[in-house]
Amino acid sequence: MSDGEQQQQQEQKVEDGNQTINIRVATSNGDEVFFKIKRSTKLSKLQGAYANKVGKDVGSIRFLYDGVRVNEDDTPHTLDMEDNDTIDVMVEQVGGFTLQPC
């Protein structure tokens, strides 16, 4: 690969990061919230905005893309997301059971 081709690929990556993408955040009961963000924006920013919009603590909800948990440092670019892709949101369930004395 020539120096010109390498530079062109690097410029393309920068341009890709600045492109905006529409992302749908959907709950299991069908509620949806739409966001438009840059491909280089960390999804933790989207998670915070979603939690604020629905009035929940960001630590109490989980975000999944293609069945895999979204990490704070993930971006639409690093996850190869396409325009109008969906992130699923779940309320974290903490629990188990408590043993009661007989």
PDB file of N, CA and C in Angstrom:
ATOM      1  N   MET A   1       0.856  -1.172   0.000  1.00  0.00           N
ATOM      2  CA  MET A   1       0.000   0.000   0.000  1.00  0.00           C
ATOM      3  C   MET A   1       0.903   1.236   0.000  1.00  0.00           C
ATOM      4  N   SER A   2       0.608   2.171  -0.873  1.00  0.00           N
ATOM      5  CA  SER A   2       1.424   3.375  -0.971  1.00  0.00           C
ATOM      6  C   SER A   2       1.084   4.353   0.152  1.00  0.00           C
ATOM      7  N   ASP A   3       1.963   5.336   0.344  1.00  0.00           N
ATOM      8  CA  ASP A   3       1.717   6.361   1.373  1.00  0.00           C
ATOM      9  C   ASP A   3       0.426   7.114   1.092  1.00  0.00           C
ATOM     10  N   GLY A   4       0.131   7.377  -0.162  1.00  0.00           N
ATOM     11  CA  GLY A   4      -1.092   8.089  -0.531  1.00  0.00           C
ATOM     12  C   GLY A   4      -2.334   7.309  -0.162  1.00  0.00           C
ATOM     13  N   GLU A   5      -2.291   5.974  -0.375  1.00  0.00           N
ATOM     14  CA  GLU A   5      -3.433   5.129  -0.027  1.00  0.00           C
ATOM     15  C   GLU A   5      -3.637   5.071   1.482  1.00  0.00           C
ATOM     16  N   GLN A   6      -2.534   4.995   2.240  1.00  0.00           N
ATOM     17  CA  GLN A   6      -2.630   4.974   3.698  1.00  0.00           C
ATOM     18  C   GLN A   6      -3.221   6.275   4.221  1.00  0.00           C
ATOM     19  N   GLN A   7      -2.774   7.403   3.658  1.00  0.00           N
ATOM     20  CA  GLN A   7      -3.296   8.696   4.100  1.00  0.00           C
ATOM     21  C   GLN A   7      -4.783   8.805   3.771  1.00  0.00           C
ATOM     22  N   GLN A   8      -5.179   8.311   2.606  1.00  0.00           N
ATOM     23  CA  GLN A   8      -6.583   8.362   2.206  1.00  0.00           C
ATOM     24  C   GLN A   8      -7.436   7.525   3.157  1.00  0.00           C
ATOM     25  N   GLN A   9      -6.933   6.347   3.578  1.00  0.00           N
ATOM     26  CA  GLN A   9      -7.672   5.506   4.523  1.00  0.00           C
ATOM     27  C   GLN A   9      -7.807   6.206   5.869  1.00  0.00           C
ATOM     28  N   GLN A  10      -6.746   6.850   6.346  1.00  0.00           N
ATOM     29  CA  GLN A  10      -6.805   7.563   7.618  1.00  0.00           C
ATOM     30  C   GLN A  10      -7.802   8.707   7.543  1.00  0.00           C
ATOM     31  N   GLU A  11      -7.830   9.452   6.440  1.00  0.00           N
ATOM     32  CA  GLU A  11      -8.786  10.545   6.275  1.00  0.00           C
ATOM     33  C   GLU A  11     -10.207  10.005   6.249  1.00  0.00           C
ATOM     34  N   GLN A  12     -10.401   8.852   5.613  1.00  0.00           N
ATOM     35  CA  GLN A  12     -11.733   8.240   5.559  1.00  0.00           C
ATOM     36  C   GLN A  12     -12.209   7.883   6.958  1.00  0.00           C
ATOM     37  N   LYS A  13     -11.304   7.353   7.810  1.00  0.00           N
ATOM     38  CA  LYS A  13     -11.676   6.995   9.183  1.00  0.00           C
ATOM     39  C   LYS A  13     -12.097   8.229   9.964  1.00  0.00           C
ATOM     40  N   VAL A  14     -11.391   9.341   9.789  1.00  0.00           N
ATOM     41  CA  VAL A  14     -11.746  10.583  10.476  1.00  0.00           C
ATOM     42  C   VAL A  14     -13.116  11.053  10.001  1.00  0.00           C
ATOM     43  N   GLU A  15     -13.344  11.008   8.692  1.00  0.00           N
ATOM     44  CA  GLU A  15     -14.645  11.418   8.148  1.00  0.00           C
ATOM     45  C   GLU A  15     -15.751  10.517   8.683  1.00  0.00           C
ATOM     46  N   ASP A  16     -15.506   9.218   8.749  1.00  0.00           N
ATOM     47  CA  ASP A  16     -16.509   8.286   9.265  1.00  0.00           C
ATOM     48  C   ASP A  16     -16.879   8.651  10.690  1.00  0.00           C
ATOM     49  N   GLY A  17     -15.907   9.028  11.506  1.00  0.00           N
ATOM     50  CA  GLY A  17     -16.151   9.373  12.895  1.00  0.00           C
ATOM     51  C   GLY A  17     -16.987  10.618  13.061  1.00  0.00           C
ATOM     52  N   ASN A  18     -16.934  11.517  12.070  1.00  0.00           N
ATOM     53  CA  ASN A  18     -17.689  12.763  12.157  1.00  0.00           C
ATOM     54  C   ASN A  18     -19.084  12.658  11.549  1.00  0.00           C
ATOM     55  N   GLN A  19     -19.371  11.572  10.860  1.00  0.00           N
ATOM     56  CA  GLN A  19     -20.702  11.380  10.297  1.00  0.00           C
ATOM     57  C   GLN A  19     -21.697  11.158  11.428  1.00  0.00           C
ATOM     58  N   THR A  20     -22.915  11.628  11.221  1.00  0.00           N
ATOM     59  CA  THR A  20     -23.946  11.372  12.223  1.00  0.00           C
ATOM     60  C   THR A  20     -24.697  10.097  11.875  1.00  0.00           C
ATOM     61  N   ILE A  21     -25.260   9.510  12.905  1.00  0.00           N
ATOM     62  CA  ILE A  21     -26.000   8.265  12.751  1.00  0.00           C
ATOM     63  C   ILE A  21     -27.240   8.368  13.637  1.00  0.00           C
ATOM     64  N   ASN A  22     -28.344   7.824  13.169  1.00  0.00           N
ATOM     65  CA  ASN A  22     -29.577   7.770  13.948  1.00  0.00           C
ATOM     66  C   ASN A  22     -29.622   6.433  14.665  1.00  0.00           C
ATOM     67  N   ILE A  23     -29.843   6.470  15.966  1.00  0.00           N
ATOM     68  CA  ILE A  23     -29.897   5.246  16.763  1.00  0.00           C
ATOM     69  C   ILE A  23     -31.209   5.222  17.532  1.00  0.00           C
ATOM     70  N   ARG A  24     -31.842   4.074  17.508  1.00  0.00           N
ATOM     71  CA  ARG A  24     -33.099   3.883  18.230  1.00  0.00           C
ATOM     72  C   ARG A  24     -32.795   3.081  19.492  1.00  0.00           C
ATOM     73  N   VAL A  25     -33.263   3.563  20.630  1.00  0.00           N
ATOM     74  CA  VAL A  25     -33.137   2.836  21.899  1.00  0.00           C
ATOM     75  C   VAL A  25     -34.531   2.323  22.235  1.00  0.00           C
ATOM     76  N   ALA A  26     -34.651   0.998  22.347  1.00  0.00           N
ATOM     77  CA  ALA A  26     -35.974   0.386  22.508  1.00  0.00           C
ATOM     78  C   ALA A  26     -36.032  -0.492  23.750  1.00  0.00           C
ATOM     79  N   THR A  27     -37.173  -0.422  24.444  1.00  0.00           N
ATOM     80  CA  THR A  27     -37.411  -1.288  25.598  1.00  0.00           C
ATOM     81  C   THR A  27     -38.164  -2.533  25.144  1.00  0.00           C
ATOM     82  N   SER A  28     -38.232  -3.516  26.019  1.00  0.00           N
ATOM     83  CA  SER A  28     -38.918  -4.759  25.675  1.00  0.00           C
ATOM     84  C   SER A  28     -40.429  -4.572  25.530  1.00  0.00           C
ATOM     85  N   ASN A  29     -40.979  -3.486  26.112  1.00  0.00           N
ATOM     86  CA  ASN A  29     -42.424  -3.259  25.973  1.00  0.00           C
ATOM     87  C   ASN A  29     -42.765  -2.350  24.791  1.00  0.00           C
ATOM     88  N   GLY A  30     -41.769  -2.046  23.958  1.00  0.00           N
ATOM     89  CA  GLY A  30     -42.036  -1.314  22.720  1.00  0.00           C
ATOM     90  C   GLY A  30     -41.788   0.178  22.759  1.00  0.00           C
ATOM     91  N   ASP A  31     -41.442   0.745  23.913  1.00  0.00           N
ATOM     92  CA  ASP A  31     -41.122   2.171  23.970  1.00  0.00           C
ATOM     93  C   ASP A  31     -39.825   2.431  23.226  1.00  0.00           C
ATOM     94  N   GLU A  32     -39.771   3.547  22.485  1.00  0.00           N
ATOM     95  CA  GLU A  32     -38.589   3.877  21.700  1.00  0.00           C
ATOM     96  C   GLU A  32     -38.212   5.339  21.893  1.00  0.00           C
ATOM     97  N   VAL A  33     -36.900   5.580  21.922  1.00  0.00           N
ATOM     98  CA  VAL A  33     -36.365   6.931  21.954  1.00  0.00           C
ATOM     99  C   VAL A  33     -35.303   6.984  20.865  1.00  0.00           C
ATOM    100  N   PHE A  34     -35.317   8.058  20.082  1.00  0.00           N
ATOM    101  CA  PHE A  34     -34.382   8.188  18.975  1.00  0.00           C
ATOM    102  C   PHE A  34     -33.302   9.216  19.294  1.00  0.00           C
ATOM    103  N   PHE A  35     -32.069   8.910  18.897  1.00  0.00           N
ATOM    104  CA  PHE A  35     -30.942   9.801  19.098  1.00  0.00           C
ATOM    105  C   PHE A  35     -30.190   9.962  17.789  1.00  0.00           C
ATOM    106  N   LYS A  36     -29.643  11.138  17.574  1.00  0.00           N
ATOM    107  CA  LYS A  36     -28.772  11.394  16.430  1.00  0.00           C
ATOM    108  C   LYS A  36     -27.430  11.824  17.000  1.00  0.00           C
ATOM    109  N   ILE A  37     -26.406  10.994  16.788  1.00  0.00           N
ATOM    110  CA  ILE A  37     -25.086  11.275  17.347  1.00  0.00           C
ATOM    111  C   ILE A  37     -24.014  11.033  16.285  1.00  0.00           C
ATOM    112  N   LYS A  38     -22.823  11.535  16.548  1.00  0.00           N
ATOM    113  CA  LYS A  38     -21.687  11.270  15.652  1.00  0.00           C
ATOM    114  C   LYS A  38     -21.246   9.825  15.848  1.00  0.00           C
ATOM    115  N   ARG A  39     -20.696   9.265  14.794  1.00  0.00           N
ATOM    116  CA  ARG A  39     -20.214   7.883  14.860  1.00  0.00           C
ATOM    117  C   ARG A  39     -19.058   7.731  15.853  1.00  0.00           C
ATOM    118  N   SER A  40     -18.397   8.856  16.189  1.00  0.00           N
ATOM    119  CA  SER A  40     -17.261   8.808  17.111  1.00  0.00           C
ATOM    120  C   SER A  40     -17.662   9.091  18.561  1.00  0.00           C
ATOM    121  N   THR A  41     -18.936   9.394  18.815  1.00  0.00           N
ATOM    122  CA  THR A  41     -19.395   9.722  20.172  1.00  0.00           C
ATOM    123  C   THR A  41     -19.475   8.460  21.021  1.00  0.00           C
ATOM    124  N   LYS A  42     -18.919   8.539  22.226  1.00  0.00           N
ATOM    125  CA  LYS A  42     -19.005   7.390  23.126  1.00  0.00           C
ATOM    126  C   LYS A  42     -20.465   7.153  23.491  1.00  0.00           C
ATOM    127  N   LEU A  43     -20.849   5.885  23.474  1.00  0.00           N
ATOM    128  CA  LEU A  43     -22.241   5.540  23.753  1.00  0.00           C
ATOM    129  C   LEU A  43     -22.610   5.776  25.211  1.00  0.00           C
ATOM    130  N   SER A  44     -21.628   6.007  26.079  1.00  0.00           N
ATOM    131  CA  SER A  44     -21.937   6.358  27.468  1.00  0.00           C
ATOM    132  C   SER A  44     -22.697   7.685  27.518  1.00  0.00           C
ATOM    133  N   LYS A  45     -22.420   8.560  26.567  1.00  0.00           N
ATOM    134  CA  LYS A  45     -23.137   9.838  26.496  1.00  0.00           C
ATOM    135  C   LYS A  45     -24.609   9.599  26.141  1.00  0.00           C
ATOM    136  N   LEU A  46     -24.853   8.707  25.199  1.00  0.00           N
ATOM    137  CA  LEU A  46     -26.221   8.343  24.817  1.00  0.00           C
ATOM    138  C   LEU A  46     -26.922   7.667  25.999  1.00  0.00           C
ATOM    139  N   GLN A  47     -26.220   6.806  26.713  1.00  0.00           N
ATOM    140  CA  GLN A  47     -26.808   6.111  27.856  1.00  0.00           C
ATOM    141  C   GLN A  47     -27.249   7.110  28.920  1.00  0.00           C
ATOM    142  N   GLY A  48     -26.402   8.100  29.196  1.00  0.00           N
ATOM    143  CA  GLY A  48     -26.745   9.115  30.182  1.00  0.00           C
ATOM    144  C   GLY A  48     -27.944   9.937  29.758  1.00  0.00           C
ATOM    145  N   ALA A  49     -27.981  10.300  28.472  1.00  0.00           N
ATOM    146  CA  ALA A  49     -29.103  11.084  27.953  1.00  0.00           C
ATOM    147  C   ALA A  49     -30.397  10.283  28.025  1.00  0.00           C
ATOM    148  N   TYR A  50     -30.336   8.991  27.708  1.00  0.00           N
ATOM    149  CA  TYR A  50     -31.528   8.152  27.767  1.00  0.00           C
ATOM    150  C   TYR A  50     -32.026   8.038  29.209  1.00  0.00           C
ATOM    151  N   ALA A  51     -31.102   7.749  30.139  1.00  0.00           N
ATOM    152  CA  ALA A  51     -31.483   7.602  31.549  1.00  0.00           C
ATOM    153  C   ALA A  51     -32.127   8.876  32.066  1.00  0.00           C
ATOM    154  N   ASN A  52     -31.565  10.020  31.702  1.00  0.00           N
ATOM    155  CA  ASN A  52     -32.114  11.308  32.120  1.00  0.00           C
ATOM    156  C   ASN A  52     -33.519  11.506  31.553  1.00  0.00           C
ATOM    157  N   LYS A  53     -33.694  11.135  30.290  1.00  0.00           N
ATOM    158  CA  LYS A  53     -34.989  11.325  29.621  1.00  0.00           C
ATOM    159  C   LYS A  53     -36.091  10.482  30.260  1.00  0.00           C
ATOM    160  N   VAL A  54     -35.755   9.255  30.662  1.00  0.00           N
ATOM    161  CA  VAL A  54     -36.777   8.369  31.228  1.00  0.00           C
ATOM    162  C   VAL A  54     -36.809   8.418  32.755  1.00  0.00           C
ATOM    163  N   GLY A  55     -35.930   9.231  33.362  1.00  0.00           N
ATOM    164  CA  GLY A  55     -35.955   9.407  34.807  1.00  0.00           C
ATOM    165  C   GLY A  55     -35.425   8.230  35.602  1.00  0.00           C
ATOM    166  N   LYS A  56     -34.458   7.517  35.036  1.00  0.00           N
ATOM    167  CA  LYS A  56     -33.859   6.378  35.740  1.00  0.00           C
ATOM    168  C   LYS A  56     -32.377   6.651  35.974  1.00  0.00           C
ATOM    169  N   ASP A  57     -31.824   5.956  36.952  1.00  0.00           N
ATOM    170  CA  ASP A  57     -30.392   6.031  37.195  1.00  0.00           C
ATOM    171  C   ASP A  57     -29.685   5.193  36.136  1.00  0.00           C
ATOM    172  N   VAL A  58     -28.639   5.758  35.518  1.00  0.00           N
ATOM    173  CA  VAL A  58     -27.947   5.055  34.435  1.00  0.00           C
ATOM    174  C   VAL A  58     -27.363   3.726  34.912  1.00  0.00           C
ATOM    175  N   GLY A  59     -27.073   3.617  36.208  1.00  0.00           N
ATOM    176  CA  GLY A  59     -26.541   2.372  36.744  1.00  0.00           C
ATOM    177  C   GLY A  59     -27.574   1.269  36.900  1.00  0.00           C
ATOM    178  N   SER A  60     -28.847   1.627  36.774  1.00  0.00           N
ATOM    179  CA  SER A  60     -29.901   0.630  36.954  1.00  0.00           C
ATOM    180  C   SER A  60     -30.413   0.057  35.637  1.00  0.00           C
ATOM    181  N   ILE A  61     -29.855   0.524  34.513  1.00  0.00           N
ATOM    182  CA  ILE A  61     -30.301   0.011  33.216  1.00  0.00           C
ATOM    183  C   ILE A  61     -29.104  -0.481  32.417  1.00  0.00           C
ATOM    184  N   ARG A  62     -29.349  -1.424  31.535  1.00  0.00           N
ATOM    185  CA  ARG A  62     -28.312  -2.024  30.708  1.00  0.00           C
ATOM    186  C   ARG A  62     -28.673  -1.848  29.241  1.00  0.00           C
ATOM    187  N   PHE A  63     -27.646  -1.633  28.438  1.00  0.00           N
ATOM    188  CA  PHE A  63     -27.834  -1.415  27.009  1.00  0.00           C
ATOM    189  C   PHE A  63     -27.157  -2.546  26.249  1.00  0.00           C
ATOM    190  N   LEU A  64     -27.894  -3.114  25.283  1.00  0.00           N
ATOM    191  CA  LEU A  64     -27.381  -4.230  24.492  1.00  0.00           C
ATOM    192  C   LEU A  64     -27.481  -3.903  23.010  1.00  0.00           C
ATOM    193  N   TYR A  65     -26.430  -4.243  22.287  1.00  0.00           N
ATOM    194  CA  TYR A  65     -26.452  -4.110  20.828  1.00  0.00           C
ATOM    195  C   TYR A  65     -26.132  -5.478  20.254  1.00  0.00           C
ATOM    196  N   ASP A  66     -27.016  -6.001  19.462  1.00  0.00           N
ATOM    197  CA  ASP A  66     -26.891  -7.359  18.910  1.00  0.00           C
ATOM    198  C   ASP A  66     -26.658  -8.388  20.013  1.00  0.00           C
ATOM    199  N   GLY A  67     -27.337  -8.199  21.158  1.00  0.00           N
ATOM    200  CA  GLY A  67     -27.261  -9.148  22.253  1.00  0.00           C
ATOM    201  C   GLY A  67     -26.028  -9.029  23.134  1.00  0.00           C
ATOM    202  N   VAL A  68     -25.149  -8.072  22.827  1.00  0.00           N
ATOM    203  CA  VAL A  68     -23.919  -7.887  23.595  1.00  0.00           C
ATOM    204  C   VAL A  68     -23.999  -6.569  24.348  1.00  0.00           C
ATOM    205  N   ARG A  69     -23.593  -6.596  25.606  1.00  0.00           N
ATOM    206  CA  ARG A  69     -23.662  -5.392  26.431  1.00  0.00           C
ATOM    207  C   ARG A  69     -22.773  -4.287  25.864  1.00  0.00           C
ATOM    208  N   VAL A  70     -23.310  -3.069  25.829  1.00  0.00           N
ATOM    209  CA  VAL A  70     -22.581  -1.904  25.344  1.00  0.00           C
ATOM    210  C   VAL A  70     -21.709  -1.382  26.481  1.00  0.00           C
ATOM    211  N   ASN A  71     -20.427  -1.183  26.205  1.00  0.00           N
ATOM    212  CA  ASN A  71     -19.497  -0.652  27.197  1.00  0.00           C
ATOM    213  C   ASN A  71     -19.416   0.860  27.086  1.00  0.00           C
ATOM    214  N   GLU A  72     -18.947   1.515  28.138  1.00  0.00           N
ATOM    215  CA  GLU A  72     -18.884   2.980  28.172  1.00  0.00           C
ATOM    216  C   GLU A  72     -18.044   3.555  27.049  1.00  0.00           C
ATOM    217  N   ASP A  73     -16.962   2.868  26.675  1.00  0.00           N
ATOM    218  CA  ASP A  73     -16.056   3.392  25.656  1.00  0.00           C
ATOM    219  C   ASP A  73     -16.473   3.038  24.232  1.00  0.00           C
ATOM    220  N   ASP A  74     -17.501   2.236  24.059  1.00  0.00           N
ATOM    221  CA  ASP A  74     -17.957   1.866  22.716  1.00  0.00           C
ATOM    222  C   ASP A  74     -18.516   3.085  21.995  1.00  0.00           C
ATOM    223  N   THR A  75     -18.337   3.112  20.697  1.00  0.00           N
ATOM    224  CA  THR A  75     -18.919   4.131  19.830  1.00  0.00           C
ATOM    225  C   THR A  75     -19.658   3.418  18.707  1.00  0.00           C
ATOM    226  N   PRO A  76     -20.541   4.122  18.000  1.00  0.00           N
ATOM    227  CA  PRO A  76     -21.171   3.483  16.836  1.00  0.00           C
ATOM    228  C   PRO A  76     -20.132   2.986  15.825  1.00  0.00           C
ATOM    229  N   HIS A  77     -19.025   3.712  15.709  1.00  0.00           N
ATOM    230  CA  HIS A  77     -17.965   3.317  14.772  1.00  0.00           C
ATOM    231  C   HIS A  77     -17.309   2.010  15.210  1.00  0.00           C
ATOM    232  N   THR A  78     -16.950   1.888  16.499  1.00  0.00           N
ATOM    233  CA  THR A  78     -16.264   0.675  16.961  1.00  0.00           C
ATOM    234  C   THR A  78     -17.187  -0.546  16.929  1.00  0.00           C
ATOM    235  N   LEU A  79     -18.498  -0.321  17.020  1.00  0.00           N
ATOM    236  CA  LEU A  79     -19.452  -1.434  16.968  1.00  0.00           C
ATOM    237  C   LEU A  79     -19.976  -1.693  15.555  1.00  0.00           C
ATOM    238  N   ASP A  80     -19.434  -0.945  14.572  1.00  0.00           N
ATOM    239  CA  ASP A  80     -19.883  -1.072  13.171  1.00  0.00           C
ATOM    240  C   ASP A  80     -21.391  -0.913  13.037  1.00  0.00           C
ATOM    241  N   MET A  81     -21.944   0.049  13.776  1.00  0.00           N
ATOM    242  CA  MET A  81     -23.374   0.305  13.707  1.00  0.00           C
ATOM    243  C   MET A  81     -23.715   1.019  12.405  1.00  0.00           C
ATOM    244  N   GLU A  82     -24.916   0.774  11.937  1.00  0.00           N
ATOM    245  CA  GLU A  82     -25.419   1.435  10.740  1.00  0.00           C
ATOM    246  C   GLU A  82     -26.564   2.370  11.134  1.00  0.00           C
ATOM    247  N   ASP A  83     -26.884   3.279  10.237  1.00  0.00           N
ATOM    248  CA  ASP A  83     -27.962   4.226  10.479  1.00  0.00           C
ATOM    249  C   ASP A  83     -29.253   3.468  10.785  1.00  0.00           C
ATOM    250  N   ASN A  84     -29.982   3.944  11.791  1.00  0.00           N
ATOM    251  CA  ASN A  84     -31.261   3.375  12.239  1.00  0.00           C
ATOM    252  C   ASN A  84     -31.134   2.032  12.943  1.00  0.00           C
ATOM    253  N   ASP A  85     -29.934   1.677  13.415  1.00  0.00           N
ATOM    254  CA  ASP A  85     -29.789   0.464  14.222  1.00  0.00           C
ATOM    255  C   ASP A  85     -30.446   0.669  15.579  1.00  0.00           C
ATOM    256  N   THR A  86     -30.717  -0.433  16.250  1.00  0.00           N
ATOM    257  CA  THR A  86     -31.412  -0.397  17.529  1.00  0.00           C
ATOM    258  C   THR A  86     -30.519  -0.893  18.657  1.00  0.00           C
ATOM    259  N   ILE A  87     -30.541  -0.156  19.759  1.00  0.00           N
ATOM    260  CA  ILE A  87     -29.928  -0.608  21.007  1.00  0.00           C
ATOM    261  C   ILE A  87     -31.076  -0.986  21.934  1.00  0.00           C
ATOM    262  N   ASP A  88     -31.010  -2.185  22.486  1.00  0.00           N
ATOM    263  CA  ASP A  88     -32.040  -2.640  23.416  1.00  0.00           C
ATOM    264  C   ASP A  88     -31.667  -2.196  24.821  1.00  0.00           C
ATOM    265  N   VAL A  89     -32.664  -1.766  25.574  1.00  0.00           N
ATOM    266  CA  VAL A  89     -32.425  -1.333  26.952  1.00  0.00           C
ATOM    267  C   VAL A  89     -33.207  -2.236  27.895  1.00  0.00           C
ATOM    268  N   MET A  90     -32.544  -2.641  28.968  1.00  0.00           N
ATOM    269  CA  MET A  90     -33.146  -3.526  29.962  1.00  0.00           C
ATOM    270  C   MET A  90     -32.939  -2.922  31.348  1.00  0.00           C
ATOM    271  N   VAL A  91     -33.910  -3.112  32.211  1.00  0.00           N
ATOM    272  CA  VAL A  91     -33.753  -2.708  33.600  1.00  0.00           C
ATOM    273  C   VAL A  91     -32.974  -3.812  34.285  1.00  0.00           C
ATOM    274  N   GLU A  92     -31.880  -3.422  34.951  1.00  0.00           N
ATOM    275  CA  GLU A  92     -31.061  -4.427  35.630  1.00  0.00           C
ATOM    276  C   GLU A  92     -31.850  -5.015  36.785  1.00  0.00           C
ATOM    277  N   GLN A  93     -31.840  -6.329  36.864  1.00  0.00           N
ATOM    278  CA  GLN A  93     -32.537  -7.006  37.947  1.00  0.00           C
ATOM    279  C   GLN A  93     -31.502  -7.578  38.897  1.00  0.00           C
ATOM    280  N   VAL A  94     -31.558  -7.103  40.107  1.00  0.00           N
ATOM    281  CA  VAL A  94     -30.662  -7.606  41.145  1.00  0.00           C
ATOM    282  C   VAL A  94     -31.511  -8.438  42.065  1.00  0.00           C
ATOM    283  N   GLY A  95     -31.020  -9.588  42.376  1.00  0.00           N
ATOM    284  CA  GLY A  95     -31.851 -10.344  43.282  1.00  0.00           C
ATOM    285  C   GLY A  95     -31.406 -11.751  43.463  1.00  0.00           C
ATOM    286  N   GLY A  96     -32.326 -12.475  43.879  1.00  0.00           N
ATOM    287  CA  GLY A  96     -32.128 -13.846  44.262  1.00  0.00           C
ATOM    288  C   GLY A  96     -33.218 -14.146  45.267  1.00  0.00           C
ATOM    289  N   PHE A  97     -32.830 -14.726  46.351  1.00  0.00           N
ATOM    290  CA  PHE A  97     -33.826 -14.995  47.386  1.00  0.00           C
ATOM    291  C   PHE A  97     -33.159 -14.900  48.745  1.00  0.00           C
ATOM    292  N   THR A  98     -33.965 -14.769  49.743  1.00  0.00           N
ATOM    293  CA  THR A  98     -33.488 -14.666  51.110  1.00  0.00           C
ATOM    294  C   THR A  98     -33.960 -15.897  51.869  1.00  0.00           C
ATOM    295  N   LEU A  99     -33.026 -16.496  52.556  1.00  0.00           N
ATOM    296  CA  LEU A  99     -33.405 -17.649  53.377  1.00  0.00           C
ATOM    297  C   LEU A  99     -34.045 -17.151  54.672  1.00  0.00           C
ATOM    298  N   GLN A 100     -35.171 -17.695  54.999  1.00  0.00           N
ATOM    299  CA  GLN A 100     -35.887 -17.336  56.233  1.00  0.00           C
ATOM    300  C   GLN A 100     -35.685 -18.461  57.248  1.00  0.00           C
ATOM    301  N   PRO A 101     -35.432 -18.079  58.486  1.00  0.00           N
ATOM    302  CA  PRO A 101     -35.302 -19.149  59.498  1.00  0.00           C
ATOM    303  C   PRO A 101     -36.627 -19.886  59.686  1.00  0.00           C
ATOM    304  N   CYS A 102     -36.529 -21.173  59.947  1.00  0.00           N
ATOM    305  CA  CYS A 102     -37.741 -21.991  60.154  1.00  0.00           C
ATOM    306  C   CYS A 102     -38.284 -21.844  61.540  1.00  0.00           C
TER     307      CYS A 102
END
